[in-house]
Amino acid sequence: MSKELTLEVKEFNRQIQIAKDNLVSNIDVLFYDCENLEDQAKIFRTILREFSLYNLEAIKQYVKISTEGKK
């Protein structure tokens, strides 16, 4: 791959990451604007249902590790 094409791909990937980060931030704000914990849980479950079993296992492990020692 030429140097120019490599730089173009890197810039494109950087722009995608910026857009993704902005979208995640917007979703985060909307999620916490919903102050009712039961509604938050319902939204979270709905989102989780869209993931594959493999991704759900990874999320479960991340949550488990992240919450250890906080009990």
PDB file of N, CA and C in Angstrom:
ATOM      1  N   MET A   1       0.855  -1.171   0.000  1.00  0.00           N
ATOM      2  CA  MET A   1       0.000   0.000   0.000  1.00  0.00           C
ATOM      3  C   MET A   1       0.904   1.239   0.000  1.00  0.00           C
ATOM      4  N   SER A   2       0.527   2.227  -0.776  1.00  0.00           N
ATOM      5  CA  SER A   2       1.331   3.438  -0.839  1.00  0.00           C
ATOM      6  C   SER A   2       1.197   4.232   0.459  1.00  0.00           C
ATOM      7  N   LYS A   3       2.180   5.094   0.683  1.00  0.00           N
ATOM      8  CA  LYS A   3       2.197   5.913   1.893  1.00  0.00           C
ATOM      9  C   LYS A   3       0.959   6.816   1.967  1.00  0.00           C
ATOM     10  N   GLU A   4       0.576   7.389   0.820  1.00  0.00           N
ATOM     11  CA  GLU A   4      -0.582   8.285   0.788  1.00  0.00           C
ATOM     12  C   GLU A   4      -1.872   7.531   1.132  1.00  0.00           C
ATOM     13  N   LEU A   5      -2.000   6.332   0.581  1.00  0.00           N
ATOM     14  CA  LEU A   5      -3.186   5.527   0.849  1.00  0.00           C
ATOM     15  C   LEU A   5      -3.229   5.106   2.315  1.00  0.00           C
ATOM     16  N   THR A   6      -2.076   4.754   2.862  1.00  0.00           N
ATOM     17  CA  THR A   6      -1.999   4.387   4.277  1.00  0.00           C
ATOM     18  C   THR A   6      -2.428   5.548   5.162  1.00  0.00           C
ATOM     19  N   LEU A   7      -1.958   6.749   4.841  1.00  0.00           N
ATOM     20  CA  LEU A   7      -2.344   7.936   5.613  1.00  0.00           C
ATOM     21  C   LEU A   7      -3.836   8.218   5.478  1.00  0.00           C
ATOM     22  N   GLU A   8      -4.369   8.014   4.280  1.00  0.00           N
ATOM     23  CA  GLU A   8      -5.798   8.235   4.051  1.00  0.00           C
ATOM     24  C   GLU A   8      -6.639   7.236   4.854  1.00  0.00           C
ATOM     25  N   VAL A   9      -6.232   5.992   4.887  1.00  0.00           N
ATOM     26  CA  VAL A   9      -6.944   4.967   5.657  1.00  0.00           C
ATOM     27  C   VAL A   9      -6.882   5.296   7.139  1.00  0.00           C
ATOM     28  N   LYS A  10      -5.713   5.712   7.627  1.00  0.00           N
ATOM     29  CA  LYS A  10      -5.572   6.071   9.050  1.00  0.00           C
ATOM     30  C   LYS A  10      -6.473   7.239   9.411  1.00  0.00           C
ATOM     31  N   GLU A  11      -6.533   8.250   8.538  1.00  0.00           N
ATOM     32  CA  GLU A  11      -7.383   9.414   8.790  1.00  0.00           C
ATOM     33  C   GLU A  11      -8.859   9.011   8.765  1.00  0.00           C
ATOM     34  N   PHE A  12      -9.227   8.176   7.823  1.00  0.00           N
ATOM     35  CA  PHE A  12     -10.600   7.686   7.741  1.00  0.00           C
ATOM     36  C   PHE A  12     -10.976   6.941   9.017  1.00  0.00           C
ATOM     37  N   ASN A  13     -10.089   6.063   9.486  1.00  0.00           N
ATOM     38  CA  ASN A  13     -10.347   5.310  10.720  1.00  0.00           C
ATOM     39  C   ASN A  13     -10.427   6.232  11.928  1.00  0.00           C
ATOM     40  N   ARG A  14      -9.608   7.286  11.937  1.00  0.00           N
ATOM     41  CA  ARG A  14      -9.643   8.265  13.033  1.00  0.00           C
ATOM     42  C   ARG A  14     -10.996   8.984  13.051  1.00  0.00           C
ATOM     43  N   GLN A  15     -11.484   9.365  11.870  1.00  0.00           N
ATOM     44  CA  GLN A  15     -12.773  10.046  11.784  1.00  0.00           C
ATOM     45  C   GLN A  15     -13.924   9.129  12.220  1.00  0.00           C
ATOM     46  N   ILE A  16     -13.845   7.865  11.850  1.00  0.00           N
ATOM     47  CA  ILE A  16     -14.862   6.900  12.284  1.00  0.00           C
ATOM     48  C   ILE A  16     -14.842   6.772  13.801  1.00  0.00           C
ATOM     49  N   GLN A  17     -13.654   6.701  14.396  1.00  0.00           N
ATOM     50  CA  GLN A  17     -13.550   6.577  15.856  1.00  0.00           C
ATOM     51  C   GLN A  17     -14.110   7.811  16.549  1.00  0.00           C
ATOM     52  N   ILE A  18     -13.869   8.986  16.010  1.00  0.00           N
ATOM     53  CA  ILE A  18     -14.419  10.221  16.582  1.00  0.00           C
ATOM     54  C   ILE A  18     -15.945  10.179  16.525  1.00  0.00           C
ATOM     55  N   ALA A  19     -16.497   9.786  15.381  1.00  0.00           N
ATOM     56  CA  ALA A  19     -17.953   9.702  15.245  1.00  0.00           C
ATOM     57  C   ALA A  19     -18.524   8.677  16.217  1.00  0.00           C
ATOM     58  N   LYS A  20     -17.841   7.545  16.357  1.00  0.00           N
ATOM     59  CA  LYS A  20     -18.293   6.502  17.281  1.00  0.00           C
ATOM     60  C   LYS A  20     -18.258   7.004  18.723  1.00  0.00           C
ATOM     61  N   ASP A  21     -17.172   7.673  19.103  1.00  0.00           N
ATOM     62  CA  ASP A  21     -17.056   8.214  20.468  1.00  0.00           C
ATOM     63  C   ASP A  21     -18.160   9.229  20.746  1.00  0.00           C
ATOM     64  N   ASN A  22     -18.448  10.081  19.766  1.00  0.00           N
ATOM     65  CA  ASN A  22     -19.517  11.073  19.934  1.00  0.00           C
ATOM     66  C   ASN A  22     -20.879  10.396  20.095  1.00  0.00           C
ATOM     67  N   LEU A  23     -21.123   9.362  19.310  1.00  0.00           N
ATOM     68  CA  LEU A  23     -22.386   8.637  19.404  1.00  0.00           C
ATOM     69  C   LEU A  23     -22.522   7.949  20.760  1.00  0.00           C
ATOM     70  N   VAL A  24     -21.442   7.334  21.240  1.00  0.00           N
ATOM     71  CA  VAL A  24     -21.458   6.691  22.554  1.00  0.00           C
ATOM     72  C   VAL A  24     -21.761   7.733  23.635  1.00  0.00           C
ATOM     73  N   SER A  25     -21.143   8.898  23.544  1.00  0.00           N
ATOM     74  CA  SER A  25     -21.395   9.964  24.526  1.00  0.00           C
ATOM     75  C   SER A  25     -22.850  10.412  24.495  1.00  0.00           C
ATOM     76  N   ASN A  26     -23.401  10.547  23.299  1.00  0.00           N
ATOM     77  CA  ASN A  26     -24.805  10.954  23.175  1.00  0.00           C
ATOM     78  C   ASN A  26     -25.736   9.908  23.771  1.00  0.00           C
ATOM     79  N   ILE A  27     -25.473   8.644  23.498  1.00  0.00           N
ATOM     80  CA  ILE A  27     -26.291   7.561  24.068  1.00  0.00           C
ATOM     81  C   ILE A  27     -26.175   7.555  25.578  1.00  0.00           C
ATOM     82  N   ASP A  28     -24.968   7.754  26.085  1.00  0.00           N
ATOM     83  CA  ASP A  28     -24.727   7.780  27.529  1.00  0.00           C
ATOM     84  C   ASP A  28     -25.568   8.866  28.192  1.00  0.00           C
ATOM     85  N   VAL A  29     -25.590  10.040  27.610  1.00  0.00           N
ATOM     86  CA  VAL A  29     -26.380  11.148  28.165  1.00  0.00           C
ATOM     87  C   VAL A  29     -27.865  10.801  28.140  1.00  0.00           C
ATOM     88  N   LEU A  30     -28.339  10.262  27.021  1.00  0.00           N
ATOM     89  CA  LEU A  30     -29.756   9.898  26.917  1.00  0.00           C
ATOM     90  C   LEU A  30     -30.126   8.817  27.929  1.00  0.00           C
ATOM     91  N   PHE A  31     -29.227   7.846  28.109  1.00  0.00           N
ATOM     92  CA  PHE A  31     -29.480   6.758  29.049  1.00  0.00           C
ATOM     93  C   PHE A  31     -29.640   7.296  30.468  1.00  0.00           C
ATOM     94  N   TYR A  32     -28.755   8.197  30.878  1.00  0.00           N
ATOM     95  CA  TYR A  32     -28.824   8.710  32.238  1.00  0.00           C
ATOM     96  C   TYR A  32     -29.866   9.803  32.409  1.00  0.00           C
ATOM     97  N   ASP A  33     -30.374  10.344  31.303  1.00  0.00           N
ATOM     98  CA  ASP A  33     -31.519  11.256  31.402  1.00  0.00           C
ATOM     99  C   ASP A  33     -32.757  10.502  31.863  1.00  0.00           C
ATOM    100  N   CYS A  34     -32.766   9.195  31.617  1.00  0.00           N
ATOM    101  CA  CYS A  34     -33.845   8.335  32.092  1.00  0.00           C
ATOM    102  C   CYS A  34     -33.528   8.014  33.560  1.00  0.00           C
ATOM    103  N   GLU A  35     -34.145   8.718  34.477  1.00  0.00           N
ATOM    104  CA  GLU A  35     -33.780   8.624  35.888  1.00  0.00           C
ATOM    105  C   GLU A  35     -34.343   7.398  36.593  1.00  0.00           C
ATOM    106  N   ASN A  36     -35.389   6.812  36.053  1.00  0.00           N
ATOM    107  CA  ASN A  36     -36.011   5.643  36.666  1.00  0.00           C
ATOM    108  C   ASN A  36     -35.131   4.419  36.431  1.00  0.00           C
ATOM    109  N   LEU A  37     -34.671   3.786  37.511  1.00  0.00           N
ATOM    110  CA  LEU A  37     -33.769   2.641  37.394  1.00  0.00           C
ATOM    111  C   LEU A  37     -34.417   1.456  36.684  1.00  0.00           C
ATOM    112  N   GLU A  38     -35.701   1.264  36.868  1.00  0.00           N
ATOM    113  CA  GLU A  38     -36.394   0.164  36.181  1.00  0.00           C
ATOM    114  C   GLU A  38     -36.402   0.398  34.670  1.00  0.00           C
ATOM    115  N   ASP A  39     -36.613   1.648  34.264  1.00  0.00           N
ATOM    116  CA  ASP A  39     -36.583   1.973  32.837  1.00  0.00           C
ATOM    117  C   ASP A  39     -35.168   1.818  32.272  1.00  0.00           C
ATOM    118  N   GLN A  40     -34.163   2.229  33.056  1.00  0.00           N
ATOM    119  CA  GLN A  40     -32.774   2.042  32.626  1.00  0.00           C
ATOM    120  C   GLN A  40     -32.472   0.564  32.422  1.00  0.00           C
ATOM    121  N   ALA A  41     -32.924  -0.257  33.367  1.00  0.00           N
ATOM    122  CA  ALA A  41     -32.680  -1.699  33.275  1.00  0.00           C
ATOM    123  C   ALA A  41     -33.354  -2.284  32.034  1.00  0.00           C
ATOM    124  N   LYS A  42     -34.562  -1.835  31.743  1.00  0.00           N
ATOM    125  CA  LYS A  42     -35.285  -2.318  30.554  1.00  0.00           C
ATOM    126  C   LYS A  42     -34.535  -1.936  29.282  1.00  0.00           C
ATOM    127  N   ILE A  43     -34.060  -0.710  29.209  1.00  0.00           N
ATOM    128  CA  ILE A  43     -33.283  -0.253  28.052  1.00  0.00           C
ATOM    129  C   ILE A  43     -32.008  -1.074  27.919  1.00  0.00           C
ATOM    130  N   PHE A  44     -31.324  -1.294  29.033  1.00  0.00           N
ATOM    131  CA  PHE A  44     -30.072  -2.053  29.026  1.00  0.00           C
ATOM    132  C   PHE A  44     -30.302  -3.484  28.546  1.00  0.00           C
ATOM    133  N   ARG A  45     -31.355  -4.127  29.049  1.00  0.00           N
ATOM    134  CA  ARG A  45     -31.672  -5.491  28.614  1.00  0.00           C
ATOM    135  C   ARG A  45     -31.981  -5.539  27.118  1.00  0.00           C
ATOM    136  N   THR A  46     -32.704  -4.547  26.636  1.00  0.00           N
ATOM    137  CA  THR A  46     -33.035  -4.486  25.210  1.00  0.00           C
ATOM    138  C   THR A  46     -31.765  -4.369  24.369  1.00  0.00           C
ATOM    139  N   ILE A  47     -30.835  -3.555  24.802  1.00  0.00           N
ATOM    140  CA  ILE A  47     -29.557  -3.408  24.100  1.00  0.00           C
ATOM    141  C   ILE A  47     -28.776  -4.714  24.143  1.00  0.00           C
ATOM    142  N   LEU A  48     -28.709  -5.350  25.305  1.00  0.00           N
ATOM    143  CA  LEU A  48     -27.939  -6.588  25.446  1.00  0.00           C
ATOM    144  C   LEU A  48     -28.482  -7.703  24.565  1.00  0.00           C
ATOM    145  N   ARG A  49     -29.781  -7.725  24.343  1.00  0.00           N
ATOM    146  CA  ARG A  49     -30.378  -8.779  23.506  1.00  0.00           C
ATOM    147  C   ARG A  49     -29.869  -8.740  22.069  1.00  0.00           C
ATOM    148  N   GLU A  50     -29.296  -7.640  21.661  1.00  0.00           N
ATOM    149  CA  GLU A  50     -28.795  -7.495  20.290  1.00  0.00           C
ATOM    150  C   GLU A  50     -27.401  -8.098  20.104  1.00  0.00           C
ATOM    151  N   PHE A  51     -26.738  -8.458  21.201  1.00  0.00           N
ATOM    152  CA  PHE A  51     -25.378  -8.999  21.130  1.00  0.00           C
ATOM    153  C   PHE A  51     -25.393 -10.510  20.942  1.00  0.00           C
ATOM    154  N   SER A  52     -24.311 -11.024  20.383  1.00  0.00           N
ATOM    155  CA  SER A  52     -24.150 -12.472  20.233  1.00  0.00           C
ATOM    156  C   SER A  52     -23.801 -13.084  21.593  1.00  0.00           C
ATOM    157  N   LEU A  53     -23.900 -14.412  21.691  1.00  0.00           N
ATOM    158  CA  LEU A  53     -23.527 -15.104  22.931  1.00  0.00           C
ATOM    159  C   LEU A  53     -22.074 -14.817  23.291  1.00  0.00           C
ATOM    160  N   TYR A  54     -21.204 -14.817  22.296  1.00  0.00           N
ATOM    161  CA  TYR A  54     -19.779 -14.545  22.532  1.00  0.00           C
ATOM    162  C   TYR A  54     -19.593 -13.158  23.152  1.00  0.00           C
ATOM    163  N   ASN A  55     -20.250 -12.153  22.571  1.00  0.00           N
ATOM    164  CA  ASN A  55     -20.132 -10.794  23.108  1.00  0.00           C
ATOM    165  C   ASN A  55     -20.755 -10.676  24.492  1.00  0.00           C
ATOM    166  N   LEU A  56     -21.865 -11.371  24.707  1.00  0.00           N
ATOM    167  CA  LEU A  56     -22.498 -11.333  26.032  1.00  0.00           C
ATOM    168  C   LEU A  56     -21.594 -11.935  27.099  1.00  0.00           C
ATOM    169  N   GLU A  57     -20.898 -13.029  26.760  1.00  0.00           N
ATOM    170  CA  GLU A  57     -19.948 -13.620  27.713  1.00  0.00           C
ATOM    171  C   GLU A  57     -18.830 -12.641  28.033  1.00  0.00           C
ATOM    172  N   ALA A  58     -18.323 -11.950  27.016  1.00  0.00           N
ATOM    173  CA  ALA A  58     -17.264 -10.961  27.225  1.00  0.00           C
ATOM    174  C   ALA A  58     -17.763  -9.809  28.099  1.00  0.00           C
ATOM    175  N   ILE A  59     -18.980  -9.341  27.852  1.00  0.00           N
ATOM    176  CA  ILE A  59     -19.560  -8.269  28.662  1.00  0.00           C
ATOM    177  C   ILE A  59     -19.742  -8.735  30.101  1.00  0.00           C
ATOM    178  N   LYS A  60     -20.226  -9.965  30.266  1.00  0.00           N
ATOM    179  CA  LYS A  60     -20.423 -10.521  31.610  1.00  0.00           C
ATOM    180  C   LYS A  60     -19.107 -10.548  32.378  1.00  0.00           C
ATOM    181  N   GLN A  61     -18.052 -11.014  31.732  1.00  0.00           N
ATOM    182  CA  GLN A  61     -16.745 -11.082  32.391  1.00  0.00           C
ATOM    183  C   GLN A  61     -16.231  -9.687  32.746  1.00  0.00           C
ATOM    184  N   TYR A  62     -16.414  -8.739  31.830  1.00  0.00           N
ATOM    185  CA  TYR A  62     -15.981  -7.359  32.090  1.00  0.00           C
ATOM    186  C   TYR A  62     -16.715  -6.772  33.299  1.00  0.00           C
ATOM    187  N   VAL A  63     -18.041  -6.961  33.328  1.00  0.00           N
ATOM    188  CA  VAL A  63     -18.839  -6.444  34.445  1.00  0.00           C
ATOM    189  C   VAL A  63     -18.415  -7.120  35.742  1.00  0.00           C
ATOM    190  N   LYS A  64     -18.215  -8.426  35.690  1.00  0.00           N
ATOM    191  CA  LYS A  64     -17.812  -9.183  36.880  1.00  0.00           C
ATOM    192  C   LYS A  64     -16.485  -8.659  37.430  1.00  0.00           C
ATOM    193  N   ILE A  65     -15.506  -8.494  36.553  1.00  0.00           N
ATOM    194  CA  ILE A  65     -14.187  -7.999  36.974  1.00  0.00           C
ATOM    195  C   ILE A  65     -14.285  -6.561  37.489  1.00  0.00           C
ATOM    196  N   SER A  66     -15.080  -5.744  36.780  1.00  0.00           N
ATOM    197  CA  SER A  66     -15.204  -4.338  37.149  1.00  0.00           C
ATOM    198  C   SER A  66     -15.903  -4.112  38.482  1.00  0.00           C
ATOM    199  N   THR A  67     -16.763  -5.057  38.873  1.00  0.00           N
ATOM    200  CA  THR A  67     -17.523  -4.867  40.111  1.00  0.00           C
ATOM    201  C   THR A  67     -16.947  -5.636  41.293  1.00  0.00           C
ATOM    202  N   GLU A  68     -15.916  -6.438  41.060  1.00  0.00           N
ATOM    203  CA  GLU A  68     -15.309  -7.162  42.184  1.00  0.00           C
ATOM    204  C   GLU A  68     -14.711  -6.170  43.174  1.00  0.00           C
ATOM    205  N   GLY A  69     -14.937  -6.435  44.426  1.00  0.00           N
ATOM    206  CA  GLY A  69     -14.406  -5.569  45.465  1.00  0.00           C
ATOM    207  C   GLY A  69     -15.239  -4.330  45.741  1.00  0.00           C
ATOM    208  N   LYS A  70     -16.327  -4.124  44.987  1.00  0.00           N
ATOM    209  CA  LYS A  70     -17.168  -2.962  45.214  1.00  0.00           C
ATOM    210  C   LYS A  70     -18.405  -3.305  46.010  1.00  0.00           C
ATOM    211  N   LYS A  71     -18.457  -4.557  46.493  1.00  0.00           N
ATOM    212  CA  LYS A  71     -19.637  -5.008  47.244  1.00  0.00           C
ATOM    213  C   LYS A  71     -19.490  -4.694  48.697  1.00  0.00           C
TER     214      LYS A  71
END
